[in-house]
Each structure stands twice: as C-alpha cells, then as structure tokens.
Protein backbone atom coordinates (compact mmCIF):
# COMPACT_ATOMS: atom_id res chain seq x y z
CA MET A 1 -3.60 -6.19 22.63
CA ALA A 2 -4.17 -3.65 19.56
CA ARG A 3 -6.19 -4.06 16.54
CA PHE A 4 -5.02 -4.39 13.37
CA VAL A 5 -6.77 -4.41 10.19
CA ILE A 6 -4.28 -5.98 7.08
CA CYS A 7 -5.79 -5.56 3.29
CA SER A 8 -3.81 -6.18 -0.02
CA VAL A 9 -4.53 -6.62 -3.46
CA PRO A 10 -5.54 -10.36 -4.37
CA VAL A 11 -2.56 -11.22 -5.88
CA ILE A 12 -0.16 -14.07 -4.75
CA GLY A 13 2.97 -11.38 -4.64
CA HIS A 14 0.73 -9.10 -2.59
CA VAL A 15 -0.60 -11.25 -0.02
CA VAL A 16 2.71 -13.87 0.73
CA PRO A 17 4.96 -11.37 1.98
CA GLY A 18 1.95 -10.53 4.84
CA LEU A 19 1.35 -13.85 5.84
CA PRO A 20 4.38 -13.90 8.42
CA ILE A 21 3.77 -10.60 9.42
CA ALA A 22 0.12 -11.43 10.59
CA ARG A 23 1.05 -14.74 12.18
CA THR A 24 3.49 -12.81 14.36
CA LEU A 25 1.08 -10.21 15.41
CA VAL A 26 -1.47 -13.07 16.34
CA ALA A 27 1.01 -14.81 17.86
CA ARG A 28 1.86 -11.59 20.21
CA GLY A 29 -1.54 -11.42 21.23
CA HIS A 30 -3.21 -9.07 18.77
CA GLU A 31 -6.28 -9.21 16.99
CA VAL A 32 -5.71 -9.30 13.12
CA ARG A 33 -8.27 -9.15 10.33
CA TRP A 34 -7.46 -9.55 6.72
CA TYR A 35 -9.53 -8.26 3.70
CA THR A 36 -8.66 -9.73 0.70
CA GLY A 37 -9.75 -12.26 -2.44
CA ARG A 38 -11.60 -15.44 -1.32
CA SER A 39 -8.81 -17.43 -3.05
CA PHE A 40 -6.52 -16.69 -0.40
CA LYS A 41 -8.90 -17.28 2.72
CA GLU A 42 -7.41 -20.52 3.95
CA ARG A 43 -3.86 -19.42 3.65
CA VAL A 44 -5.47 -15.83 5.89
CA GLU A 45 -6.99 -18.11 8.40
CA ALA A 46 -3.87 -20.33 8.93
CA THR A 47 -2.38 -17.14 10.15
CA GLY A 48 -4.80 -17.20 12.99
CA ALA A 49 -6.39 -13.79 11.65
CA THR A 50 -10.02 -13.31 11.06
CA TYR A 51 -10.69 -13.34 6.89
CA GLU A 52 -12.88 -10.47 5.48
CA PRO A 53 -14.12 -10.76 1.93
CA LEU A 54 -14.39 -8.32 -0.82
CA ARG A 55 -17.90 -6.93 -1.49
CA VAL A 56 -18.07 -3.95 -2.92
CA VAL A 57 -14.99 -4.57 -4.63
CA PRO A 58 -15.39 -7.81 -7.76
CA ASP A 59 -13.92 -11.00 -6.73
CA GLY A 60 -12.49 -13.05 -9.10
CA GLY A 61 -11.69 -15.80 -7.21
CA ASP A 62 -9.05 -18.21 -8.16
CA GLN A 63 -8.38 -15.93 -11.28
CA ASP A 64 -5.49 -13.54 -10.96
CA PRO A 65 -6.94 -9.42 -11.55
CA ALA A 66 -6.31 -8.82 -14.87
CA TRP A 67 -3.03 -7.33 -15.86
CA HIS A 68 -3.90 -8.00 -19.47
CA LEU A 69 -7.29 -6.59 -20.04
CA ALA A 70 -8.04 -6.11 -23.50
CA GLU A 71 -6.32 -2.90 -24.16
CA GLY A 72 -3.39 -3.77 -21.75
CA GLU A 73 -2.04 -7.18 -23.10
CA GLY A 74 0.93 -7.36 -24.64
CA LEU A 75 2.33 -4.42 -22.94
CA THR A 76 6.14 -4.27 -21.26
CA GLY A 77 8.08 -1.76 -19.36
CA LEU A 78 6.81 1.69 -18.33
CA ALA A 79 3.61 1.42 -20.61
CA ALA A 80 2.97 -2.02 -18.69
CA LEU A 81 3.82 -0.32 -15.10
CA LYS A 82 1.08 2.83 -16.17
CA PHE A 83 -1.47 0.10 -17.56
CA GLY A 84 -1.15 -1.71 -14.10
CA ILE A 85 -1.59 1.08 -11.84
CA LYS A 86 -4.59 2.56 -13.15
CA HIS A 87 -6.54 -0.49 -13.88
CA LEU A 88 -5.74 -3.08 -11.34
CA PHE A 89 -4.65 -0.78 -8.42
CA LEU A 90 -6.45 2.64 -8.85
CA ASP A 91 -9.69 1.40 -10.17
CA ALA A 92 -10.05 -0.77 -7.03
CA GLY A 93 -9.56 2.25 -4.72
CA PRO A 94 -13.28 3.49 -4.29
CA GLY A 95 -14.57 0.01 -3.77
CA GLN A 96 -12.05 -1.17 -1.12
CA LEU A 97 -12.60 2.26 0.62
CA ALA A 98 -16.46 1.58 1.18
CA ASP A 99 -15.58 -2.32 2.23
CA LEU A 100 -12.60 -0.73 4.98
CA ARG A 101 -15.39 1.62 6.30
CA ARG A 102 -17.89 -1.22 6.55
CA ILE A 103 -14.88 -3.70 8.29
CA LEU A 104 -14.36 -0.77 10.25
CA ALA A 105 -17.74 -0.10 11.47
CA ASP A 106 -17.54 -3.80 13.37
CA PHE A 107 -14.11 -3.55 14.06
CA PRO A 108 -12.29 0.03 14.82
CA ALA A 109 -8.86 -0.93 14.03
CA ASP A 110 -5.52 0.79 15.59
CA VAL A 111 -3.77 0.62 12.52
CA ILE A 112 -4.27 -0.17 8.84
CA LEU A 113 -1.74 -2.30 7.52
CA CYS A 114 -1.73 -2.92 3.34
CA ASP A 115 0.66 -3.51 0.83
CA THR A 116 2.17 -0.75 -1.50
CA ALA A 117 -0.62 -1.13 -4.00
CA PHE A 118 -3.68 -0.97 -2.21
CA VAL A 119 -4.79 2.75 -2.65
CA GLY A 120 -8.03 2.21 -0.48
CA ALA A 121 -5.99 2.41 2.65
CA LEU A 122 -4.68 5.56 1.72
CA PHE A 123 -7.99 7.03 0.81
CA LEU A 124 -8.85 5.60 4.35
CA HIS A 125 -6.58 7.25 5.99
CA GLU A 126 -6.59 10.86 4.22
CA LEU A 127 -10.37 10.80 5.30
CA GLY A 128 -9.92 10.78 8.95
CA GLY A 129 -9.18 6.59 8.95
CA PRO A 130 -6.21 5.15 11.43
CA PRO A 131 -2.71 4.97 11.04
CA ARG A 132 -1.82 3.49 8.10
CA ALA A 133 1.06 1.09 7.73
CA VAL A 134 2.88 0.06 4.64
CA TYR A 135 4.72 -3.53 3.47
CA GLY A 136 6.58 -2.68 0.22
CA ILE A 137 6.02 -5.80 -2.29
CA SER A 138 8.31 -3.96 -4.80
CA PRO A 139 11.12 -1.85 -5.08
CA LEU A 140 11.02 1.61 -3.24
CA THR A 141 8.98 3.47 -5.74
CA ILE A 142 9.48 7.12 -3.59
CA ALA A 143 11.21 9.97 -5.74
CA SER A 144 14.57 10.75 -4.53
CA ARG A 145 17.00 13.25 -6.08
CA ASP A 146 19.55 10.42 -6.31
CA THR A 147 17.62 8.21 -8.21
CA ALA A 148 15.98 8.43 -11.36
CA PRO A 149 12.19 7.91 -11.69
CA PHE A 150 10.63 4.63 -10.74
CA GLY A 151 9.94 2.71 -13.91
CA LEU A 152 12.42 3.86 -15.95
CA GLY A 153 14.94 0.85 -14.79
CA LEU A 154 18.03 3.14 -14.49
CA PRO A 155 20.74 3.23 -11.82
CA PRO A 156 20.96 5.67 -9.34
CA ASP A 157 23.31 8.41 -9.58
CA ALA A 158 24.08 10.71 -6.62
CA THR A 159 26.73 12.69 -8.07
CA PRO A 160 26.32 16.42 -8.65
CA ARG A 161 25.64 15.70 -12.40
CA GLY A 162 23.84 12.45 -11.72
CA ARG A 163 21.30 14.49 -9.38
CA LEU A 164 21.37 16.78 -12.53
CA ARG A 165 20.24 13.94 -14.82
CA ASN A 166 17.49 12.97 -12.33
CA ARG A 167 15.83 16.43 -11.89
CA ALA A 168 15.62 16.61 -15.68
CA LEU A 169 14.18 13.19 -15.76
CA TYR A 170 11.17 13.87 -12.88
CA ALA A 171 10.50 16.74 -15.36
CA LEU A 172 9.88 14.73 -17.82
CA PHE A 173 8.43 11.76 -15.86
CA ASP A 174 5.66 14.05 -14.16
CA ARG A 175 5.28 16.17 -17.16
CA VAL A 176 4.77 14.22 -20.04
CA LEU A 177 5.33 10.11 -19.51
CA PHE A 178 3.32 9.72 -16.10
CA ARG A 179 1.27 12.80 -16.67
CA ASP A 180 -1.77 10.78 -17.75
CA VAL A 181 -1.23 8.16 -14.64
CA HIS A 182 -1.23 11.71 -12.26
CA ALA A 183 -4.65 12.80 -14.05
CA TYR A 184 -6.23 9.54 -13.52
CA TYR A 185 -4.78 9.23 -10.07
CA ASN A 186 -6.66 12.45 -9.21
CA ARG A 187 -9.87 12.03 -11.10
CA VAL A 188 -10.30 8.58 -8.65
CA ARG A 189 -9.58 10.74 -5.67
CA ALA A 190 -11.82 13.46 -6.72
CA GLY A 191 -14.38 10.54 -6.50
CA VAL A 192 -14.33 9.94 -3.17
CA GLY A 193 -13.88 13.69 -2.13
CA LEU A 194 -10.20 13.85 -1.65
CA PRO A 195 -8.40 16.87 -3.22
CA PRO A 196 -5.49 16.58 -5.87
CA SER A 197 -2.15 14.89 -5.37
CA ARG A 198 0.70 17.02 -6.01
CA ALA A 199 3.21 13.92 -5.17
CA GLY A 200 1.29 11.69 -7.28
CA ALA A 201 0.32 7.82 -6.79
CA LEU A 202 3.87 6.20 -6.62
CA ASN A 203 4.82 8.71 -3.73
CA ASP A 204 1.80 8.62 -1.96
CA ALA A 205 2.19 4.69 -1.63
CA VAL A 206 4.68 5.60 1.30
CA SER A 207 3.11 5.58 4.20
CA PRO A 208 3.78 8.85 6.39
CA HIS A 209 4.06 6.83 9.50
CA LEU A 210 5.31 3.40 8.86
CA TYR A 211 6.84 1.60 5.80
CA LEU A 212 8.03 -2.01 5.89
CA GLN A 213 10.74 -2.71 3.14
CA GLY A 214 11.14 -6.54 2.85
CA THR A 215 14.65 -6.25 1.56
CA VAL A 216 18.10 -5.14 3.01
CA PRO A 217 20.05 -1.62 1.86
CA SER A 218 22.47 -3.43 -0.08
CA PHE A 219 19.83 -4.41 -2.72
CA GLU A 220 17.88 -1.13 -2.52
CA TYR A 221 19.36 1.91 -4.33
CA PRO A 222 20.83 4.59 -1.92
CA ARG A 223 18.88 7.64 -1.06
CA GLY A 224 20.00 10.74 1.07
CA ASP A 225 16.66 11.93 1.42
CA LEU A 226 15.06 8.51 2.13
CA PRO A 227 12.03 9.36 4.58
CA PRO A 228 12.92 8.36 8.32
CA GLN A 229 9.67 6.05 8.59
CA VAL A 230 10.86 3.74 6.07
CA HIS A 231 12.50 0.43 7.96
CA PHE A 232 14.59 -2.01 5.94
CA ILE A 233 13.19 -5.20 7.87
CA GLY A 234 14.57 -8.28 5.32
CA PRO A 235 12.26 -10.29 3.32
CA THR A 236 9.44 -12.20 4.90
CA LEU A 237 10.79 -15.63 4.02
CA PRO A 238 8.93 -19.11 3.38
CA GLY A 239 9.12 -21.53 6.00
CA PRO A 240 9.19 -25.40 5.04
CA ALA A 241 6.07 -26.68 3.55
CA PRO A 242 4.12 -28.90 5.68
CA ASP A 243 2.54 -31.03 2.67
CA PHE A 244 5.75 -31.18 0.40
CA ALA A 245 5.79 -33.85 -1.71
CA PRO A 246 9.12 -34.08 -3.57
CA PRO A 247 8.78 -34.78 -7.40
CA PRO A 248 9.67 -38.55 -8.63
CA TRP A 249 12.95 -37.06 -9.61
CA TRP A 250 13.80 -35.31 -6.55
CA SER A 251 16.82 -37.96 -6.02
CA ASP A 252 18.32 -36.97 -9.07
CA LEU A 253 18.85 -33.37 -7.58
CA LEU A 254 20.32 -34.64 -4.46
CA ALA A 255 22.60 -37.11 -6.09
CA ASP A 256 23.63 -34.91 -9.03
CA ARG A 257 27.29 -33.68 -9.00
CA ARG A 258 26.46 -31.06 -11.64
CA PRO A 259 25.75 -27.13 -11.25
CA VAL A 260 22.39 -26.93 -10.61
CA VAL A 261 20.29 -24.13 -12.39
CA HIS A 262 16.45 -23.24 -11.37
CA VAL A 263 14.31 -21.32 -13.95
CA THR A 264 10.76 -19.61 -12.89
CA GLN A 265 8.36 -17.27 -14.28
CA GLY A 266 6.83 -17.20 -11.13
CA THR A 267 2.87 -17.82 -10.85
CA VAL A 268 1.56 -14.89 -12.70
CA THR A 269 3.34 -14.58 -16.02
CA THR A 270 3.00 -18.69 -16.86
CA ALA A 271 3.86 -18.37 -20.92
CA ALA A 272 6.36 -20.68 -21.38
CA ASP A 273 7.71 -19.49 -24.49
CA GLN A 274 8.99 -16.05 -22.55
CA LEU A 275 11.49 -17.96 -20.37
CA LEU A 276 10.69 -21.21 -19.51
CA ALA A 277 11.49 -22.93 -23.20
CA PRO A 278 14.09 -20.99 -24.40
CA THR A 279 16.26 -21.43 -21.15
CA LEU A 280 15.78 -25.14 -21.57
CA ARG A 281 16.88 -25.15 -25.25
CA ALA A 282 19.74 -22.83 -24.04
CA LEU A 283 21.13 -24.90 -21.66
CA ALA A 284 20.36 -28.17 -23.27
CA GLY A 285 23.87 -29.17 -24.26
CA GLU A 286 25.49 -27.75 -20.53
CA ASP A 287 27.12 -29.93 -17.92
CA LEU A 288 24.20 -28.63 -15.85
CA LEU A 289 21.03 -30.01 -14.29
CA VAL A 290 17.88 -27.73 -15.04
CA ILE A 291 15.18 -27.60 -13.23
CA ALA A 292 12.11 -25.67 -14.25
CA THR A 293 8.86 -24.87 -12.54
CA THR A 294 5.63 -23.92 -14.53
CA GLY A 295 3.82 -21.63 -12.44
CA GLY A 296 1.45 -24.55 -11.16
CA GLN A 297 0.85 -25.44 -14.65
CA PRO A 298 0.60 -29.09 -15.49
CA VAL A 299 3.77 -29.95 -17.00
CA ALA A 300 2.18 -31.71 -19.82
CA SER A 301 0.31 -28.82 -20.89
CA ALA A 302 3.05 -26.36 -20.14
CA GLY A 303 4.34 -26.24 -24.00
CA LEU A 304 7.46 -27.12 -23.03
CA GLY A 305 7.94 -29.54 -26.21
CA THR A 306 10.40 -32.52 -25.38
CA LEU A 307 12.49 -32.09 -22.74
CA PRO A 308 16.17 -32.43 -22.83
CA ASP A 309 17.87 -34.76 -20.94
CA ASN A 310 19.65 -32.60 -18.54
CA ALA A 311 15.94 -30.88 -17.48
CA ARG A 312 13.47 -31.88 -14.72
CA VAL A 313 10.23 -29.95 -14.43
CA ALA A 314 7.21 -29.40 -11.85
CA PRO A 315 4.50 -27.79 -11.85
CA PHE A 316 5.68 -25.93 -8.07
CA ILE A 317 8.41 -26.76 -5.63
CA PRO A 318 8.55 -24.48 -2.53
CA HIS A 319 11.70 -22.19 -2.78
CA TYR A 320 12.67 -23.35 0.95
CA HIS A 321 13.17 -26.73 -0.35
CA LEU A 322 14.61 -26.04 -3.49
CA LEU A 323 16.74 -23.22 -3.87
CA PRO A 324 19.67 -24.61 -1.04
CA HIS A 325 20.44 -26.88 -4.08
CA VAL A 326 20.59 -24.55 -6.92
CA ASP A 327 23.56 -22.90 -8.20
CA ALA A 328 22.06 -20.12 -10.43
CA MET A 329 18.10 -18.89 -10.92
CA VAL A 330 16.98 -17.68 -14.26
CA THR A 331 13.64 -15.46 -13.57
CA ASN A 332 11.59 -12.83 -14.80
CA GLY A 333 12.30 -10.99 -11.97
CA GLY A 334 9.16 -11.32 -9.20
CA TYR A 335 10.48 -9.15 -6.30
CA GLY A 336 9.64 -11.86 -3.50
CA GLY A 337 11.39 -14.93 -5.71
CA VAL A 338 14.41 -12.54 -6.05
CA GLN A 339 14.69 -12.10 -2.60
CA ILE A 340 14.28 -15.66 -1.53
CA ALA A 341 17.24 -16.48 -3.95
CA LEU A 342 19.48 -13.80 -2.66
CA ALA A 343 18.80 -15.10 0.96
CA ASN A 344 19.96 -18.35 -0.19
CA GLY A 345 22.91 -16.32 -1.73
CA VAL A 346 21.82 -17.66 -5.33
CA PRO A 347 22.98 -15.52 -8.06
CA LEU A 348 20.53 -14.55 -10.71
CA VAL A 349 20.01 -13.94 -14.88
CA THR A 350 16.94 -11.97 -14.76
CA ALA A 351 14.76 -11.10 -17.92
CA GLY A 352 11.61 -9.04 -17.04
CA ARG A 353 9.83 -6.23 -18.55
CA THR A 354 6.56 -6.33 -17.02
CA GLU A 355 4.87 -4.81 -14.36
CA GLU A 356 7.70 -3.39 -11.78
CA LYS A 357 10.21 -6.48 -12.90
CA PRO A 358 12.33 -3.69 -14.81
CA GLU A 359 13.20 -2.05 -11.47
CA VAL A 360 13.56 -5.50 -10.05
CA CYS A 361 15.94 -6.62 -12.54
CA ALA A 362 18.02 -2.97 -12.61
CA ARG A 363 18.66 -3.67 -8.60
CA VAL A 364 20.00 -7.26 -9.06
CA ALA A 365 22.52 -5.96 -11.79
CA TRP A 366 23.49 -3.05 -9.76
CA SER A 367 23.78 -5.15 -6.66
CA GLY A 368 26.29 -7.22 -8.56
CA ALA A 369 24.19 -10.72 -7.71
CA GLY A 370 23.52 -11.54 -11.20
CA ILE A 371 22.79 -10.08 -14.60
CA ASP A 372 19.99 -8.15 -16.07
CA LEU A 373 19.54 -9.22 -19.78
CA LYS A 374 16.92 -6.20 -20.05
CA THR A 375 14.20 -7.99 -22.21
CA ASN A 376 11.03 -10.05 -21.83
CA ARG A 377 12.22 -13.06 -24.28
CA PRO A 378 15.76 -13.39 -24.47
CA SER A 379 17.02 -15.90 -27.05
CA PRO A 380 18.60 -18.85 -25.86
CA THR A 381 22.02 -17.31 -26.83
CA GLN A 382 21.74 -15.11 -24.33
CA ILE A 383 20.68 -16.95 -21.97
CA ARG A 384 23.64 -19.01 -22.18
CA ARG A 385 26.06 -16.98 -21.95
CA ALA A 386 24.40 -15.22 -19.23
CA VAL A 387 24.07 -18.31 -17.22
CA ARG A 388 28.14 -19.28 -17.79
CA VAL A 389 28.69 -16.19 -16.99
CA VAL A 390 26.88 -16.30 -13.50
CA LEU A 391 28.32 -19.94 -12.89
CA ASP A 392 32.03 -19.21 -13.89
CA GLU A 393 32.63 -15.61 -12.64
CA PRO A 394 32.80 -15.96 -8.55
CA ARG A 395 31.81 -12.10 -8.03
CA TYR A 396 28.26 -12.62 -8.67
CA ARG A 397 28.38 -16.04 -6.03
CA ARG A 398 29.88 -13.82 -3.96
CA ALA A 399 27.95 -10.58 -4.14
CA ALA A 400 24.50 -12.55 -3.63
CA LEU A 401 25.88 -13.96 -0.36
CA ARG A 402 26.99 -10.93 0.83
CA ILE A 403 23.28 -9.94 0.32
CA ALA A 404 22.16 -13.32 2.02
CA GLY A 405 24.50 -12.62 5.05
CA LYS A 406 23.01 -9.30 5.58
CA ILE A 407 19.52 -10.64 5.30
CA ALA A 408 20.13 -13.38 7.81
CA ARG A 409 20.76 -10.94 10.43
CA HIS A 410 16.81 -9.82 10.07
CA ASP A 411 13.72 -11.63 11.85
CA ALA A 412 11.59 -9.39 9.51
CA PRO A 413 8.14 -10.71 10.87
CA THR A 414 9.66 -10.01 14.52
CA GLU A 415 10.96 -6.72 13.68
CA ALA A 416 7.62 -5.48 11.63
CA ALA A 417 5.74 -6.88 14.61
CA ARG A 418 7.21 -4.59 16.64
CA LEU A 419 7.42 -1.55 14.87
CA LEU A 420 3.43 -1.77 14.15
CA GLU A 421 3.04 -2.21 18.07
CA ARG A 422 4.63 0.90 18.41
CA LEU A 423 2.52 2.54 15.73
CA ALA A 424 -0.32 1.21 17.61
CA ALA A 425 0.70 2.93 20.78
CA THR A 426 1.51 6.30 19.60
CA GLY A 427 -0.43 6.90 16.39
CA ALA A 428 2.68 8.87 15.62
CA PRO A 429 5.41 8.47 12.75
CA VAL A 430 7.43 5.35 13.53
CA ILE A 431 11.02 6.95 12.82
CA THR A 432 13.97 5.08 12.60
CA THR A 433 17.63 5.95 13.87
CA VAL A 434 19.72 3.84 12.14
CA SER A 435 20.31 3.12 8.05
CA GLY A 436 19.77 -0.40 8.60
CA VAL A 437 22.24 -3.22 7.40
C-alpha cells in the first residue's frame, strides 16, 4: 500500500478529472488524501479519499475562484491566460505550500499528485518534498521545437521553416509577451525560498517524474522532443449519474428524428449572450433539435429570452446520458467537455478565447474534428454556417470517430493508477517506451 496526496485548484475542471483516479487508487488498496476547496468535499469523500481542507489558502466555498477579479474582467486570449496564471494560480502557491506541509507532517505521502495549475506541489517538491506527479487539465503547455508557444493558438509546424518560426516566437514570447509572467513567477518563488526558474511557469508545470495527459496523441500536437515522462492515458470519462432525473422533454430527444445539436458554455463562463443565446437564434429556423444547458443556472433566469420551437433547455444534463444522442456540439472549448464529446464521436463547433480555450479550440480544428470560430462572441450567422458544415460534411464526423476509437483503447483511471504505483515504488521518473495510441 502506498500513500498519495492529491491536490487541486478548487475549480470543477481541475477537480473532476482526478476523481476517477482517486477512486481507482483507493480501490487498489492505497491510502489517499485530497486537498481542495470545501465545495468539493462530498465528491472527494465519495471516491473513498480523505478530504483535507484549505486553511492558509482562502476558501470561497461554492464561489469559483475569480478569473474575473476587478482588473481582469473582460480579458480574452493571451491577456486572460496571463492574468489567470498570476492571480488564480501563482498567488495561491505559498499558501498551498504551507497547507501541504501541514498535511505531510501527519501523513508522509509517497507521491503528491496535482493538477497542472497547482504550483504549491511544485514548490514542495523543489524544497525537498516527495515526488510530484501531474494530471493534465488542458492541452500540453510545454515548449517544443515543433510548436508555437502555448497561448497563441497557432497550429504546430515541424518543417525547417516552421521550426525557425517557432524559435522566433519563443524568443518574442519569453522576452516580451510573457516577460511579466516570468518575472511574477520568480518573485513568488523567491518568497518561498526558491531560486529563479529559467524554464518558466508553463514548462515547470510538467513534472519531471510523471505527467498524465488526459487525451490521446491524435488530439495533441506531435512533438519530436516530447519528454519521456509524459504519458497519454486518454480522458477520465464520467460514468452514469446515479441521481439523473431526465428533464420533462427527454422523450422529445429520444423520439425526434432530426439531427441533435448540443450547446454548452460549461459551468464557469455562463453569460448567455456569449454563446447560448446566439446559438439558439442561429438555429431557430433549422430542421434540428437544439439542446442547451445553462451551466447550472435556472432556465428562467438564464437570459435566453423566448425559446425557439426547436429548442430544449435544462440547467444541467450529465454528458454521459446526453452525448450518445448528439450529432454536433457547440461549445466555448472547455478541455474536459471537448474530450467527452470526442469520446462519443461528436464533431464540434468551438468559440472560446478565455483561459486556455484558444489552445483547445485550435486543436479541435487541427485534428479535423470540428471548426474553430476564433472568437469569444460569434454571430448567429457564423454559428449557423459552421454547424451546417459540421453536420453536412462527413469528414468532421469521421475525424471525431477516429479519435473516439483511440480513446476507447484506454482505461485512463487504471493506467494512471499503475503509473503512480511505479512512481511510489521507485521515486524515479516513470518513462514511457511507446508513443501512445
């Protein structure tokens, strides 16, 4: 039996991918404690793990940590990514470190497992703590000679000319575009007694011991210099929701023979005027059934106005139950939701420019599984045209189904548990010998 501490930023997209891993570790006889916000306490304890609360780090309870602090509200693209790295992730690092030291004093763990953005575990390991493993909750952030810097939303290019492009962009990125983030990161590091990092926060996020990437290589940009401790395990997919109560119109979905389009903005960015309302307007005259979810908001107060006849709306529907009935999905590009759609062979129309979403959307287009509208606020005309193309041109569905086939070859929680057991047993980097599927 090994001891694991899991720690995650208290945001749903950072916590949920780790739940099946924790459940599997517990089932295999290991002792697991999980450090995150109290709003996730029940979910953590349902895995069999012991919940550890935030103490030094402020706990906002049911309120998501602010991507939109006063000075950051309305930012998109690279500016939004930089703001989030500084003020949602880096600022929490020293408090996370203090809390983890308290936990380890009582529970000397063999391995710390954290999400990509949890910098306290990085600091702990560099200061002499146990090996750090990471589960990815976004596209890979690591620099490569074959890709542009993370955050620019550019496709990869491994040709000689492309590598020259990439080298020039990294120079611009490090010396100009991300210079303030590097400086901020090193100030935070100095505050906990660490030397400056030459690699920067995005590259340091990739553990030198074990990195579990929750997708398949056919969705991630190929890299000839990918570190060998990076393992593609496929996404950790949700199972059936035991308390799922279908909405009153569920029989319409089962009986209707029209193509079904699902539109979602996830659970964080839920302003209906960005994507939900424009999609309902865009598809109102189409021979489609449109299923919208409001990210938990009551439908009456979601700001959708009068619903078209072909629209059905609910606050939330578990994707496990909905996506097998869906022909296309319109989304702002949350990483987890995109992976679940692809696991079901559902092609995508994406429109997201906040946080890491430009990188997710760019990979949707690169993989051939959908269309990236490259905007945070698409017009109804843009949405209508893209949905029609995705539905009418079989190549998008074929690409999504190819990726679904690759995902089906993986059992992500079991693969993750086995790799973590190897790390716990040896304390040495867990090196892959194959490129994945």
